[in-house]
Amino acid sequence: VLWTSIDATIGDQTGDMPHQTGPEVGLQQLTEKRTTDIQYQLMNDIARKQQEQAKQEHEQAKQQRPKKRRTRSESDIRRIDEERRRRYVPIDKVKNVAKVNKVKNTDTFGVDEHIVKILTAANIKLDEELASQLPTWDDIVSMYGDKPIIHGLETCQTYRDTVVPADRMLGPAGIFNTGTNLLFELMKANCNIKEAMTSTTHREPHRNGMRFQPPWGKHNPPSNYRDQHVAKFWGEGINQTAFFPVVMIKDFYHWAGSQCRHSYTTWWDHDKDRCPNLVDAWNRPSRTTVKFGRGQLHYDSILDLWNKYYQEWEEQTFPHLTTRYEDLLFHGEEVTKIACDCVG
């Protein structure tokens, strides 16, 4: 009965009714089926292993294959350079950006000519309401001086002597809310390292050597990040020692207000009614935590953060410049030109 059931089951699975019964026939058919199943399994395993091996060999061959570099003829380079020149306006020729933007502030409403020039260059129309809200030029000079302050100019020659023109790169650095994006836009539009057009070590969208941030990240402290960290954006494959940073610093009072409006990755005890809140309810410093590229750092307060961050930059010996956000506002053309000339 047992062998007859096995034989009948095999016959049902194969679609045929068994024409013979008995233990010998049933055992033979069962053995044949198991053998066939094992053969199919072995064939599938072999086929899968062959596919995996072929895939691995393909990946290895792909990695070993030399990358094709895009080459340009001299005529292509001249054509691209000519197109860039048509778009590029040197800063020494930009006497008044409003000539391009068609804004003319003929009525100054008693505002000082220095401030009118800045507003006109920024394409801002001056009216009576805006004029009543503006400080006087004397107020600005009393707070920030009549000339920009730029530290590190003595390192410019060292940089030019040690980095060949094709490898030179320039970009902003500094803590959050200090005008790094503004500086990048000014340098991108007005600075041009001609040799960057054909550089093989770096490549920017405008091919002019102006980069959005240092390859270690523009907000990260330099001591533990330069040559030790690669930024997610514009950092891969860049020689970090060939990058020249222009560090932005902002008046702490106004920087603290900016942090209250947009704290980025900075956390401390404050709210919209109590900010910057340098001390807590027990008159103790409000502990501050900042998330940088590789982890968090802790400070006694946001004032302690501001002090220690820029003290660290002050201690760096590699070539770099440090200038104020306020200088970029009130002396933008001069600061940008100095930074451009610094790297050649």
C-alpha atoms as a PDB file:
ATOM      1  CA  VAL A   1       0.000   0.000   0.000  1.00  0.00           C
ATOM      2  CA  LEU A   2       2.863   2.394   0.849  1.00  0.00           C
ATOM      3  CA  TRP A   3       4.732   1.880  -2.409  1.00  0.00           C
ATOM      4  CA  THR A   4       1.508   2.034  -4.345  1.00  0.00           C
ATOM      5  CA  SER A   5       0.771   5.487  -2.806  1.00  0.00           C
ATOM      6  CA  ILE A   6       4.252   6.752  -3.608  1.00  0.00           C
ATOM      7  CA  ASP A   7       3.991   5.447  -7.144  1.00  0.00           C
ATOM      8  CA  ALA A   8       0.578   7.044  -7.591  1.00  0.00           C
ATOM      9  CA  THR A   9       1.846  10.371  -6.221  1.00  0.00           C
ATOM     10  CA  ILE A  10       4.767  10.400  -8.633  1.00  0.00           C
ATOM     11  CA  GLY A  11       2.434   9.602 -11.457  1.00  0.00           C
ATOM     12  CA  ASP A  12       0.106  12.454 -10.495  1.00  0.00           C
ATOM     13  CA  GLN A  13       3.018  14.941 -10.336  1.00  0.00           C
ATOM     14  CA  THR A  14       4.236  13.940 -13.781  1.00  0.00           C
ATOM     15  CA  GLY A  15       0.740  14.043 -15.223  1.00  0.00           C
ATOM     16  CA  ASP A  16       0.645  10.319 -16.006  1.00  0.00           C
ATOM     17  CA  MET A  17      -1.220   7.628 -14.220  1.00  0.00           C
ATOM     18  CA  PRO A  18       1.123   4.843 -13.145  1.00  0.00           C
ATOM     19  CA  HIS A  19       0.658   1.743 -15.220  1.00  0.00           C
ATOM     20  CA  GLN A  20       2.670  -0.419 -12.847  1.00  0.00           C
ATOM     21  CA  THR A  21       2.631  -0.661  -9.118  1.00  0.00           C
ATOM     22  CA  GLY A  22       4.858  -2.235  -6.631  1.00  0.00           C
ATOM     23  CA  PRO A  23       7.765  -1.307  -4.393  1.00  0.00           C
ATOM     24  CA  GLU A  24      10.458  -1.749  -7.053  1.00  0.00           C
ATOM     25  CA  VAL A  25       8.748   0.536  -9.602  1.00  0.00           C
ATOM     26  CA  GLY A  26       7.836   3.167  -7.021  1.00  0.00           C
ATOM     27  CA  LEU A  27      11.338   3.302  -5.553  1.00  0.00           C
ATOM     28  CA  GLN A  28      12.902   3.577  -9.003  1.00  0.00           C
ATOM     29  CA  GLN A  29      10.672   6.478 -10.032  1.00  0.00           C
ATOM     30  CA  LEU A  30      11.202   8.273  -6.739  1.00  0.00           C
ATOM     31  CA  THR A  31      14.966   7.900  -7.060  1.00  0.00           C
ATOM     32  CA  GLU A  32      14.902   9.188 -10.632  1.00  0.00           C
ATOM     33  CA  LYS A  33      12.873  12.232  -9.601  1.00  0.00           C
ATOM     34  CA  ARG A  34      15.208  13.061  -6.732  1.00  0.00           C
ATOM     35  CA  THR A  35      18.219  12.666  -8.990  1.00  0.00           C
ATOM     36  CA  THR A  36      16.642  14.996 -11.540  1.00  0.00           C
ATOM     37  CA  ASP A  37      15.882  17.598  -8.835  1.00  0.00           C
ATOM     38  CA  ILE A  38      19.469  17.477  -7.595  1.00  0.00           C
ATOM     39  CA  GLN A  39      20.766  17.886 -11.148  1.00  0.00           C
ATOM     40  CA  TYR A  40      18.542  20.908 -11.708  1.00  0.00           C
ATOM     41  CA  GLN A  41      19.731  22.429  -8.417  1.00  0.00           C
ATOM     42  CA  LEU A  42      23.384  21.880  -9.316  1.00  0.00           C
ATOM     43  CA  MET A  43      22.863  23.397 -12.753  1.00  0.00           C
ATOM     44  CA  ASN A  44      21.188  26.446 -11.226  1.00  0.00           C
ATOM     45  CA  ASP A  45      24.007  26.858  -8.676  1.00  0.00           C
ATOM     46  CA  ILE A  46      26.645  26.592 -11.388  1.00  0.00           C
ATOM     47  CA  ALA A  47      24.815  29.099 -13.605  1.00  0.00           C
ATOM     48  CA  ARG A  48      24.431  31.558 -10.701  1.00  0.00           C
ATOM     49  CA  LYS A  49      28.111  31.284  -9.771  1.00  0.00           C
ATOM     50  CA  GLN A  50      29.115  31.801 -13.384  1.00  0.00           C
ATOM     51  CA  GLN A  51      26.962  34.943 -13.556  1.00  0.00           C
ATOM     52  CA  GLU A  52      28.467  36.300 -10.328  1.00  0.00           C
ATOM     53  CA  GLN A  53      31.988  35.571 -11.548  1.00  0.00           C
ATOM     54  CA  ALA A  54      31.303  37.258 -14.872  1.00  0.00           C
ATOM     55  CA  LYS A  55      29.910  40.289 -13.057  1.00  0.00           C
ATOM     56  CA  GLN A  56      32.976  40.520 -10.821  1.00  0.00           C
ATOM     57  CA  GLU A  57      35.320  40.223 -13.787  1.00  0.00           C
ATOM     58  CA  HIS A  58      33.373  42.973 -15.570  1.00  0.00           C
ATOM     59  CA  GLU A  59      33.635  45.309 -12.537  1.00  0.00           C
ATOM     60  CA  GLN A  60      37.362  44.623 -12.186  1.00  0.00           C
ATOM     61  CA  ALA A  61      37.940  45.294 -15.860  1.00  0.00           C
ATOM     62  CA  LYS A  62      35.904  48.485 -15.585  1.00  0.00           C
ATOM     63  CA  GLN A  63      37.999  49.731 -12.654  1.00  0.00           C
ATOM     64  CA  GLN A  64      41.275  48.870 -14.380  1.00  0.00           C
ATOM     65  CA  ARG A  65      40.223  50.530 -17.603  1.00  0.00           C
ATOM     66  CA  PRO A  66      41.863  53.983 -17.854  1.00  0.00           C
ATOM     67  CA  LYS A  67      39.415  56.847 -17.560  1.00  0.00           C
ATOM     68  CA  LYS A  68      38.961  58.813 -20.704  1.00  0.00           C
ATOM     69  CA  ARG A  69      39.709  62.456 -20.151  1.00  0.00           C
ATOM     70  CA  ARG A  70      37.842  64.940 -22.186  1.00  0.00           C
ATOM     71  CA  THR A  71      40.308  66.808 -24.331  1.00  0.00           C
ATOM     72  CA  ARG A  72      39.754  70.114 -26.042  1.00  0.00           C
ATOM     73  CA  SER A  73      41.475  71.505 -29.038  1.00  0.00           C
ATOM     74  CA  GLU A  74      43.109  74.924 -28.956  1.00  0.00           C
ATOM     75  CA  SER A  75      40.237  76.357 -30.988  1.00  0.00           C
ATOM     76  CA  ASP A  76      37.717  75.016 -28.449  1.00  0.00           C
ATOM     77  CA  ILE A  77      39.678  76.567 -25.588  1.00  0.00           C
ATOM     78  CA  ARG A  78      39.828  79.925 -27.383  1.00  0.00           C
ATOM     79  CA  ARG A  79      36.097  79.790 -28.093  1.00  0.00           C
ATOM     80  CA  ILE A  80      35.219  78.982 -24.475  1.00  0.00           C
ATOM     81  CA  ASP A  81      37.570  81.672 -23.204  1.00  0.00           C
ATOM     82  CA  GLU A  82      35.962  84.203 -25.516  1.00  0.00           C
ATOM     83  CA  GLU A  83      32.497  83.244 -24.281  1.00  0.00           C
ATOM     84  CA  ARG A  84      33.646  83.681 -20.696  1.00  0.00           C
ATOM     85  CA  ARG A  85      35.127  87.088 -21.443  1.00  0.00           C
ATOM     86  CA  ARG A  86      31.801  88.235 -22.840  1.00  0.00           C
ATOM     87  CA  ARG A  87      30.092  87.214 -19.585  1.00  0.00           C
ATOM     88  CA  TYR A  88      32.897  88.359 -17.286  1.00  0.00           C
ATOM     89  CA  VAL A  89      33.134  92.008 -16.268  1.00  0.00           C
ATOM     90  CA  PRO A  90      36.369  92.841 -14.383  1.00  0.00           C
ATOM     91  CA  ILE A  91      35.682  94.562 -11.084  1.00  0.00           C
ATOM     92  CA  ASP A  92      37.920  97.529 -11.904  1.00  0.00           C
ATOM     93  CA  LYS A  93      35.578  98.290 -14.802  1.00  0.00           C
ATOM     94  CA  VAL A  94      32.425  98.101 -12.690  1.00  0.00           C
ATOM     95  CA  LYS A  95      32.160 101.723 -11.652  1.00  0.00           C
ATOM     96  CA  ASN A  96      28.446 101.394 -11.008  1.00  0.00           C
ATOM     97  CA  VAL A  97      26.538  98.155 -11.402  1.00  0.00           C
ATOM     98  CA  ALA A  98      23.350 100.191 -11.721  1.00  0.00           C
ATOM     99  CA  LYS A  99      24.402 101.095 -15.268  1.00  0.00           C
ATOM    100  CA  VAL A 100      23.709  97.480 -16.139  1.00  0.00           C
ATOM    101  CA  ASN A 101      20.670  97.082 -13.918  1.00  0.00           C
ATOM    102  CA  LYS A 102      19.136 100.412 -15.010  1.00  0.00           C
ATOM    103  CA  VAL A 103      18.606 101.735 -11.459  1.00  0.00           C
ATOM    104  CA  LYS A 104      19.319 105.431 -11.025  1.00  0.00           C
ATOM    105  CA  ASN A 105      19.026 107.098  -7.641  1.00  0.00           C
ATOM    106  CA  THR A 106      18.939 110.707  -8.793  1.00  0.00           C
ATOM    107  CA  ASP A 107      17.081 111.865  -5.677  1.00  0.00           C
ATOM    108  CA  THR A 108      19.211 110.976  -2.648  1.00  0.00           C
ATOM    109  CA  PHE A 109      16.857 112.321   0.071  1.00  0.00           C
ATOM    110  CA  GLY A 110      19.859 113.664   1.964  1.00  0.00           C
ATOM    111  CA  VAL A 111      21.629 110.276   2.155  1.00  0.00           C
ATOM    112  CA  ASP A 112      25.447 110.343   2.027  1.00  0.00           C
ATOM    113  CA  GLU A 113      26.933 109.637  -1.407  1.00  0.00           C
ATOM    114  CA  HIS A 114      28.872 106.602  -0.095  1.00  0.00           C
ATOM    115  CA  ILE A 115      25.654 104.906   0.972  1.00  0.00           C
ATOM    116  CA  VAL A 116      23.857 105.925  -2.222  1.00  0.00           C
ATOM    117  CA  LYS A 117      26.627 104.328  -4.270  1.00  0.00           C
ATOM    118  CA  ILE A 118      26.334 101.068  -2.319  1.00  0.00           C
ATOM    119  CA  LEU A 119      22.538 100.936  -2.739  1.00  0.00           C
ATOM    120  CA  THR A 120      22.735 101.795  -6.420  1.00  0.00           C
ATOM    121  CA  ALA A 121      25.369  99.121  -7.045  1.00  0.00           C
ATOM    122  CA  ALA A 122      23.055  96.636  -5.290  1.00  0.00           C
ATOM    123  CA  ASN A 123      20.216  97.693  -7.596  1.00  0.00           C
ATOM    124  CA  ILE A 124      18.149  99.064  -4.690  1.00  0.00           C
ATOM    125  CA  LYS A 125      15.839 101.978  -5.354  1.00  0.00           C
ATOM    126  CA  LEU A 126      16.172 104.681  -2.732  1.00  0.00           C
ATOM    127  CA  ASP A 127      12.988 106.328  -1.475  1.00  0.00           C
ATOM    128  CA  GLU A 128      12.070 108.605   1.396  1.00  0.00           C
ATOM    129  CA  GLU A 129      10.996 105.760   3.711  1.00  0.00           C
ATOM    130  CA  LEU A 130      14.223 103.819   3.195  1.00  0.00           C
ATOM    131  CA  ALA A 131      16.306 106.999   3.579  1.00  0.00           C
ATOM    132  CA  SER A 132      14.785 107.640   7.007  1.00  0.00           C
ATOM    133  CA  GLN A 133      15.915 104.198   8.210  1.00  0.00           C
ATOM    134  CA  LEU A 134      19.543 104.405   7.063  1.00  0.00           C
ATOM    135  CA  PRO A 135      22.479 105.322   9.312  1.00  0.00           C
ATOM    136  CA  THR A 136      24.730 108.205   8.396  1.00  0.00           C
ATOM    137  CA  TRP A 137      28.146 107.548   6.905  1.00  0.00           C
ATOM    138  CA  ASP A 138      29.693 109.175   9.983  1.00  0.00           C
ATOM    139  CA  ASP A 139      27.930 106.594  12.175  1.00  0.00           C
ATOM    140  CA  ILE A 140      29.334 103.772  10.047  1.00  0.00           C
ATOM    141  CA  VAL A 141      32.845 105.199  10.116  1.00  0.00           C
ATOM    142  CA  SER A 142      32.699 105.656  13.886  1.00  0.00           C
ATOM    143  CA  MET A 143      31.896 101.944  14.315  1.00  0.00           C
ATOM    144  CA  TYR A 144      33.966 100.273  11.595  1.00  0.00           C
ATOM    145  CA  GLY A 145      36.413 102.879  10.277  1.00  0.00           C
ATOM    146  CA  ASP A 146      36.649 104.407   6.826  1.00  0.00           C
ATOM    147  CA  LYS A 147      38.782 101.597   5.344  1.00  0.00           C
ATOM    148  CA  PRO A 148      38.473  97.818   5.266  1.00  0.00           C
ATOM    149  CA  ILE A 149      40.537  95.738   7.688  1.00  0.00           C
ATOM    150  CA  ILE A 150      42.104  92.650   6.117  1.00  0.00           C
ATOM    151  CA  HIS A 151      44.486  90.413   8.037  1.00  0.00           C
ATOM    152  CA  GLY A 152      46.934  88.040   6.355  1.00  0.00           C
ATOM    153  CA  LEU A 153      47.991  90.100   3.342  1.00  0.00           C
ATOM    154  CA  GLU A 154      51.606  89.182   4.083  1.00  0.00           C
ATOM    155  CA  THR A 155      50.773  85.535   3.233  1.00  0.00           C
ATOM    156  CA  CYS A 156      49.675  86.306  -0.345  1.00  0.00           C
ATOM    157  CA  GLN A 157      53.185  86.271  -1.784  1.00  0.00           C
ATOM    158  CA  THR A 158      53.980  83.007   0.017  1.00  0.00           C
ATOM    159  CA  TYR A 159      50.914  81.423  -1.548  1.00  0.00           C
ATOM    160  CA  ARG A 160      51.762  82.637  -5.042  1.00  0.00           C
ATOM    161  CA  ASP A 161      55.353  81.396  -4.664  1.00  0.00           C
ATOM    162  CA  THR A 162      54.363  77.898  -3.539  1.00  0.00           C
ATOM    163  CA  VAL A 163      51.248  77.144  -5.639  1.00  0.00           C
ATOM    164  CA  VAL A 164      51.395  77.226  -9.426  1.00  0.00           C
ATOM    165  CA  PRO A 165      48.657  79.288 -11.124  1.00  0.00           C
ATOM    166  CA  ALA A 166      46.827  76.267 -12.570  1.00  0.00           C
ATOM    167  CA  ASP A 167      46.409  74.797  -9.055  1.00  0.00           C
ATOM    168  CA  ARG A 168      45.288  77.979  -7.272  1.00  0.00           C
ATOM    169  CA  MET A 169      41.815  78.153  -5.758  1.00  0.00           C
ATOM    170  CA  LEU A 170      40.034  80.852  -3.764  1.00  0.00           C
ATOM    171  CA  GLY A 171      36.896  80.683  -1.631  1.00  0.00           C
ATOM    172  CA  PRO A 172      35.152  81.788   1.580  1.00  0.00           C
ATOM    173  CA  ALA A 173      35.316  80.283   5.067  1.00  0.00           C
ATOM    174  CA  GLY A 174      33.851  81.245   8.431  1.00  0.00           C
ATOM    175  CA  ILE A 175      31.185  80.398  10.982  1.00  0.00           C
ATOM    176  CA  PHE A 176      27.472  80.495  10.052  1.00  0.00           C
ATOM    177  CA  ASN A 177      25.798  83.832   9.247  1.00  0.00           C
ATOM    178  CA  THR A 178      28.971  85.737   8.374  1.00  0.00           C
ATOM    179  CA  GLY A 179      28.443  86.459   4.663  1.00  0.00           C
ATOM    180  CA  THR A 180      30.328  83.537   3.119  1.00  0.00           C
ATOM    181  CA  ASN A 181      27.727  83.143   0.361  1.00  0.00           C
ATOM    182  CA  LEU A 182      27.878  86.856  -0.455  1.00  0.00           C
ATOM    183  CA  LEU A 183      31.656  86.723  -0.739  1.00  0.00           C
ATOM    184  CA  PHE A 184      31.496  83.703  -3.044  1.00  0.00           C
ATOM    185  CA  GLU A 185      29.021  85.433  -5.363  1.00  0.00           C
ATOM    186  CA  LEU A 186      31.247  88.513  -5.562  1.00  0.00           C
ATOM    187  CA  MET A 187      34.388  86.504  -6.269  1.00  0.00           C
ATOM    188  CA  LYS A 188      32.617  84.239  -8.761  1.00  0.00           C
ATOM    189  CA  ALA A 189      31.458  87.251 -10.762  1.00  0.00           C
ATOM    190  CA  ASN A 190      34.601  89.354 -10.555  1.00  0.00           C
ATOM    191  CA  CYS A 191      37.661  87.137  -9.991  1.00  0.00           C
ATOM    192  CA  ASN A 192      39.354  85.048 -12.641  1.00  0.00           C
ATOM    193  CA  ILE A 193      42.416  82.799 -12.434  1.00  0.00           C
ATOM    194  CA  LYS A 194      42.962  82.307 -16.162  1.00  0.00           C
ATOM    195  CA  GLU A 195      45.023  79.140 -15.750  1.00  0.00           C
ATOM    196  CA  ALA A 196      42.049  77.456 -14.007  1.00  0.00           C
ATOM    197  CA  MET A 197      40.359  77.168 -17.406  1.00  0.00           C
ATOM    198  CA  THR A 198      42.669  74.304 -18.371  1.00  0.00           C
ATOM    199  CA  SER A 199      43.512  72.989 -14.896  1.00  0.00           C
ATOM    200  CA  THR A 200      43.693  69.218 -14.435  1.00  0.00           C
ATOM    201  CA  THR A 201      43.583  69.335 -10.607  1.00  0.00           C
ATOM    202  CA  HIS A 202      40.246  71.063 -10.057  1.00  0.00           C
ATOM    203  CA  ARG A 203      37.193  72.199 -11.958  1.00  0.00           C
ATOM    204  CA  GLU A 204      34.533  74.770 -11.104  1.00  0.00           C
ATOM    205  CA  PRO A 205      31.281  75.610 -12.944  1.00  0.00           C
ATOM    206  CA  HIS A 206      32.792  78.913 -14.124  1.00  0.00           C
ATOM    207  CA  ARG A 207      36.296  77.446 -14.572  1.00  0.00           C
ATOM    208  CA  ASN A 208      37.803  80.492 -12.863  1.00  0.00           C
ATOM    209  CA  GLY A 209      39.276  78.967  -9.684  1.00  0.00           C
ATOM    210  CA  MET A 210      36.561  80.399  -7.420  1.00  0.00           C
ATOM    211  CA  ARG A 211      35.120  77.703  -5.151  1.00  0.00           C
ATOM    212  CA  PHE A 212      32.003  77.683  -2.980  1.00  0.00           C
ATOM    213  CA  GLN A 213      33.922  76.478   0.077  1.00  0.00           C
ATOM    214  CA  PRO A 214      37.218  74.943   1.223  1.00  0.00           C
ATOM    215  CA  PRO A 215      37.540  71.235   0.434  1.00  0.00           C
ATOM    216  CA  TRP A 216      37.306  70.551   4.188  1.00  0.00           C
ATOM    217  CA  GLY A 217      34.044  72.546   4.563  1.00  0.00           C
ATOM    218  CA  LYS A 218      33.662  76.302   4.973  1.00  0.00           C
ATOM    219  CA  HIS A 219      32.169  76.280   8.499  1.00  0.00           C
ATOM    220  CA  ASN A 220      34.424  73.601  10.013  1.00  0.00           C
ATOM    221  CA  PRO A 221      37.234  74.723  12.364  1.00  0.00           C
ATOM    222  CA  PRO A 222      40.565  74.491  10.511  1.00  0.00           C
ATOM    223  CA  SER A 223      42.738  72.713  13.102  1.00  0.00           C
ATOM    224  CA  ASN A 224      40.887  69.393  13.085  1.00  0.00           C
ATOM    225  CA  TYR A 225      39.463  69.509   9.559  1.00  0.00           C
ATOM    226  CA  ARG A 226      42.028  70.868   7.098  1.00  0.00           C
ATOM    227  CA  ASP A 227      43.804  67.855   5.534  1.00  0.00           C
ATOM    228  CA  GLN A 228      41.723  65.585   7.795  1.00  0.00           C
ATOM    229  CA  HIS A 229      38.218  65.847   6.349  1.00  0.00           C
ATOM    230  CA  VAL A 230      36.621  65.953   2.899  1.00  0.00           C
ATOM    231  CA  ALA A 231      33.492  68.055   2.437  1.00  0.00           C
ATOM    232  CA  LYS A 232      30.472  66.438   0.771  1.00  0.00           C
ATOM    233  CA  PHE A 233      30.204  69.291  -1.728  1.00  0.00           C
ATOM    234  CA  TRP A 234      33.197  70.492  -3.779  1.00  0.00           C
ATOM    235  CA  GLY A 235      35.635  68.528  -1.619  1.00  0.00           C
ATOM    236  CA  GLU A 236      36.433  65.262  -3.379  1.00  0.00           C
ATOM    237  CA  GLY A 237      39.803  64.977  -5.104  1.00  0.00           C
ATOM    238  CA  ILE A 238      40.978  68.504  -4.221  1.00  0.00           C
ATOM    239  CA  ASN A 239      44.463  69.323  -2.949  1.00  0.00           C
ATOM    240  CA  GLN A 240      43.539  71.040   0.317  1.00  0.00           C
ATOM    241  CA  THR A 241      46.892  72.764   0.763  1.00  0.00           C
ATOM    242  CA  ALA A 242      46.423  74.524  -2.599  1.00  0.00           C
ATOM    243  CA  PHE A 243      43.169  76.183  -1.491  1.00  0.00           C
ATOM    244  CA  PHE A 244      43.343  79.795  -0.257  1.00  0.00           C
ATOM    245  CA  PRO A 245      40.508  80.662   2.182  1.00  0.00           C
ATOM    246  CA  VAL A 246      39.138  84.135   2.856  1.00  0.00           C
ATOM    247  CA  VAL A 247      37.721  83.966   6.373  1.00  0.00           C
ATOM    248  CA  MET A 248      34.639  86.056   7.144  1.00  0.00           C
ATOM    249  CA  ILE A 249      33.997  87.454  10.628  1.00  0.00           C
ATOM    250  CA  LYS A 250      30.969  89.462  11.726  1.00  0.00           C
ATOM    251  CA  ASP A 251      30.439  91.939  14.581  1.00  0.00           C
ATOM    252  CA  PHE A 252      29.322  89.695  17.457  1.00  0.00           C
ATOM    253  CA  TYR A 253      26.293  91.831  18.325  1.00  0.00           C
ATOM    254  CA  HIS A 254      24.814  91.545  14.838  1.00  0.00           C
ATOM    255  CA  TRP A 255      26.039  87.954  14.407  1.00  0.00           C
ATOM    256  CA  ALA A 256      24.155  86.927  17.569  1.00  0.00           C
ATOM    257  CA  GLY A 257      20.992  88.471  16.121  1.00  0.00           C
ATOM    258  CA  SER A 258      21.504  86.495  12.919  1.00  0.00           C
ATOM    259  CA  GLN A 259      21.941  83.301  14.961  1.00  0.00           C
ATOM    260  CA  CYS A 260      18.640  84.004  16.717  1.00  0.00           C
ATOM    261  CA  ARG A 261      16.893  84.169  13.353  1.00  0.00           C
ATOM    262  CA  HIS A 262      18.665  81.148  11.845  1.00  0.00           C
ATOM    263  CA  SER A 263      20.778  79.032  14.181  1.00  0.00           C
ATOM    264  CA  TYR A 264      21.810  76.397  11.596  1.00  0.00           C
ATOM    265  CA  THR A 265      23.367  73.487  13.547  1.00  0.00           C
ATOM    266  CA  THR A 266      23.863  75.449  16.777  1.00  0.00           C
ATOM    267  CA  TRP A 267      21.835  74.614  19.885  1.00  0.00           C
ATOM    268  CA  TRP A 268      21.552  76.541  23.145  1.00  0.00           C
ATOM    269  CA  ASP A 269      18.793  77.556  25.572  1.00  0.00           C
ATOM    270  CA  HIS A 270      16.898  80.425  23.977  1.00  0.00           C
ATOM    271  CA  ASP A 271      13.560  81.367  22.445  1.00  0.00           C
ATOM    272  CA  LYS A 272      12.181  84.243  20.397  1.00  0.00           C
ATOM    273  CA  ASP A 273      11.650  86.366  23.536  1.00  0.00           C
ATOM    274  CA  ARG A 274      15.041  85.554  25.092  1.00  0.00           C
ATOM    275  CA  CYS A 275      17.818  85.651  22.557  1.00  0.00           C
ATOM    276  CA  PRO A 276      20.795  85.504  22.352  1.00  0.00           C
ATOM    277  CA  ASN A 277      20.376  84.568  26.043  1.00  0.00           C
ATOM    278  CA  LEU A 278      24.049  84.374  26.954  1.00  0.00           C
ATOM    279  CA  VAL A 279      23.215  83.309  30.532  1.00  0.00           C
ATOM    280  CA  ASP A 280      20.456  81.083  31.897  1.00  0.00           C
ATOM    281  CA  ALA A 281      17.922  81.788  34.669  1.00  0.00           C
ATOM    282  CA  TRP A 282      20.606  81.088  37.306  1.00  0.00           C
ATOM    283  CA  ASN A 283      22.992  83.584  35.701  1.00  0.00           C
ATOM    284  CA  ARG A 284      25.195  80.809  34.333  1.00  0.00           C
ATOM    285  CA  PRO A 285      26.515  80.745  30.739  1.00  0.00           C
ATOM    286  CA  SER A 286      24.075  79.044  28.361  1.00  0.00           C
ATOM    287  CA  ARG A 287      25.887  75.918  27.212  1.00  0.00           C
ATOM    288  CA  THR A 288      26.123  75.773  23.415  1.00  0.00           C
ATOM    289  CA  THR A 289      26.523  72.754  21.144  1.00  0.00           C
ATOM    290  CA  VAL A 290      27.545  72.985  17.491  1.00  0.00           C
ATOM    291  CA  LYS A 291      27.446  70.178  14.947  1.00  0.00           C
ATOM    292  CA  PHE A 292      30.320  70.395  12.496  1.00  0.00           C
ATOM    293  CA  GLY A 293      31.276  67.976   9.729  1.00  0.00           C
ATOM    294  CA  ARG A 294      32.453  65.058  11.868  1.00  0.00           C
ATOM    295  CA  GLY A 295      30.647  65.578  15.143  1.00  0.00           C
ATOM    296  CA  GLN A 296      29.684  67.989  17.895  1.00  0.00           C
ATOM    297  CA  LEU A 297      31.717  70.500  19.881  1.00  0.00           C
ATOM    298  CA  HIS A 298      30.599  72.134  23.130  1.00  0.00           C
ATOM    299  CA  TYR A 299      31.076  75.716  24.299  1.00  0.00           C
ATOM    300  CA  ASP A 300      30.132  77.740  27.365  1.00  0.00           C
ATOM    301  CA  SER A 301      27.926  80.077  25.286  1.00  0.00           C
ATOM    302  CA  ILE A 302      27.564  81.397  21.750  1.00  0.00           C
ATOM    303  CA  LEU A 303      29.999  84.162  22.759  1.00  0.00           C
ATOM    304  CA  ASP A 304      32.494  81.475  23.750  1.00  0.00           C
ATOM    305  CA  LEU A 305      31.854  79.774  20.388  1.00  0.00           C
ATOM    306  CA  TRP A 306      32.528  83.030  18.502  1.00  0.00           C
ATOM    307  CA  ASN A 307      35.722  83.734  20.465  1.00  0.00           C
ATOM    308  CA  LYS A 308      37.249  80.253  20.259  1.00  0.00           C
ATOM    309  CA  TYR A 309      36.317  79.719  16.596  1.00  0.00           C
ATOM    310  CA  TYR A 310      38.138  82.863  15.431  1.00  0.00           C
ATOM    311  CA  GLN A 311      40.972  82.432  17.907  1.00  0.00           C
ATOM    312  CA  GLU A 312      41.628  79.111  16.181  1.00  0.00           C
ATOM    313  CA  TRP A 313      41.740  80.798  12.781  1.00  0.00           C
ATOM    314  CA  GLU A 314      44.062  83.472  14.203  1.00  0.00           C
ATOM    315  CA  GLU A 315      46.528  80.748  15.212  1.00  0.00           C
ATOM    316  CA  GLN A 316      46.756  79.191  11.743  1.00  0.00           C
ATOM    317  CA  THR A 317      50.043  79.682   9.910  1.00  0.00           C
ATOM    318  CA  PHE A 318      49.039  78.608   6.396  1.00  0.00           C
ATOM    319  CA  PRO A 319      48.186  81.401   3.890  1.00  0.00           C
ATOM    320  CA  HIS A 320      44.723  82.913   4.311  1.00  0.00           C
ATOM    321  CA  LEU A 321      42.960  86.246   4.675  1.00  0.00           C
ATOM    322  CA  THR A 322      40.494  87.376   7.342  1.00  0.00           C
ATOM    323  CA  THR A 323      38.094  90.258   6.750  1.00  0.00           C
ATOM    324  CA  ARG A 324      34.889  91.594   8.227  1.00  0.00           C
ATOM    325  CA  TYR A 325      31.381  91.130   6.902  1.00  0.00           C
ATOM    326  CA  GLU A 326      30.873  94.862   7.452  1.00  0.00           C
ATOM    327  CA  ASP A 327      33.824  95.605   5.151  1.00  0.00           C
ATOM    328  CA  LEU A 328      32.165  93.511   2.479  1.00  0.00           C
ATOM    329  CA  LEU A 329      29.021  95.622   2.842  1.00  0.00           C
ATOM    330  CA  PHE A 330      30.630  99.054   2.881  1.00  0.00           C
ATOM    331  CA  HIS A 331      33.782  98.387   0.793  1.00  0.00           C
ATOM    332  CA  GLY A 332      32.731  95.406  -1.302  1.00  0.00           C
ATOM    333  CA  GLU A 333      34.603  96.285  -4.492  1.00  0.00           C
ATOM    334  CA  GLU A 334      37.860  97.001  -2.688  1.00  0.00           C
ATOM    335  CA  VAL A 335      37.752  93.849  -0.553  1.00  0.00           C
ATOM    336  CA  THR A 336      36.898  91.627  -3.502  1.00  0.00           C
ATOM    337  CA  LYS A 337      39.671  93.093  -5.638  1.00  0.00           C
ATOM    338  CA  ILE A 338      42.253  92.627  -2.864  1.00  0.00           C
ATOM    339  CA  ALA A 339      41.232  88.986  -2.419  1.00  0.00           C
ATOM    340  CA  CYS A 340      41.420  88.373  -6.173  1.00  0.00           C
ATOM    341  CA  ASP A 341      44.830  90.018  -6.486  1.00  0.00           C
ATOM    342  CA  CYS A 342      46.127  88.071  -3.494  1.00  0.00           C
ATOM    343  CA  VAL A 343      46.014  84.765  -5.380  1.00  0.00           C
ATOM    344  CA  GLY A 344      47.004  86.295  -8.703  1.00  0.00           C
END
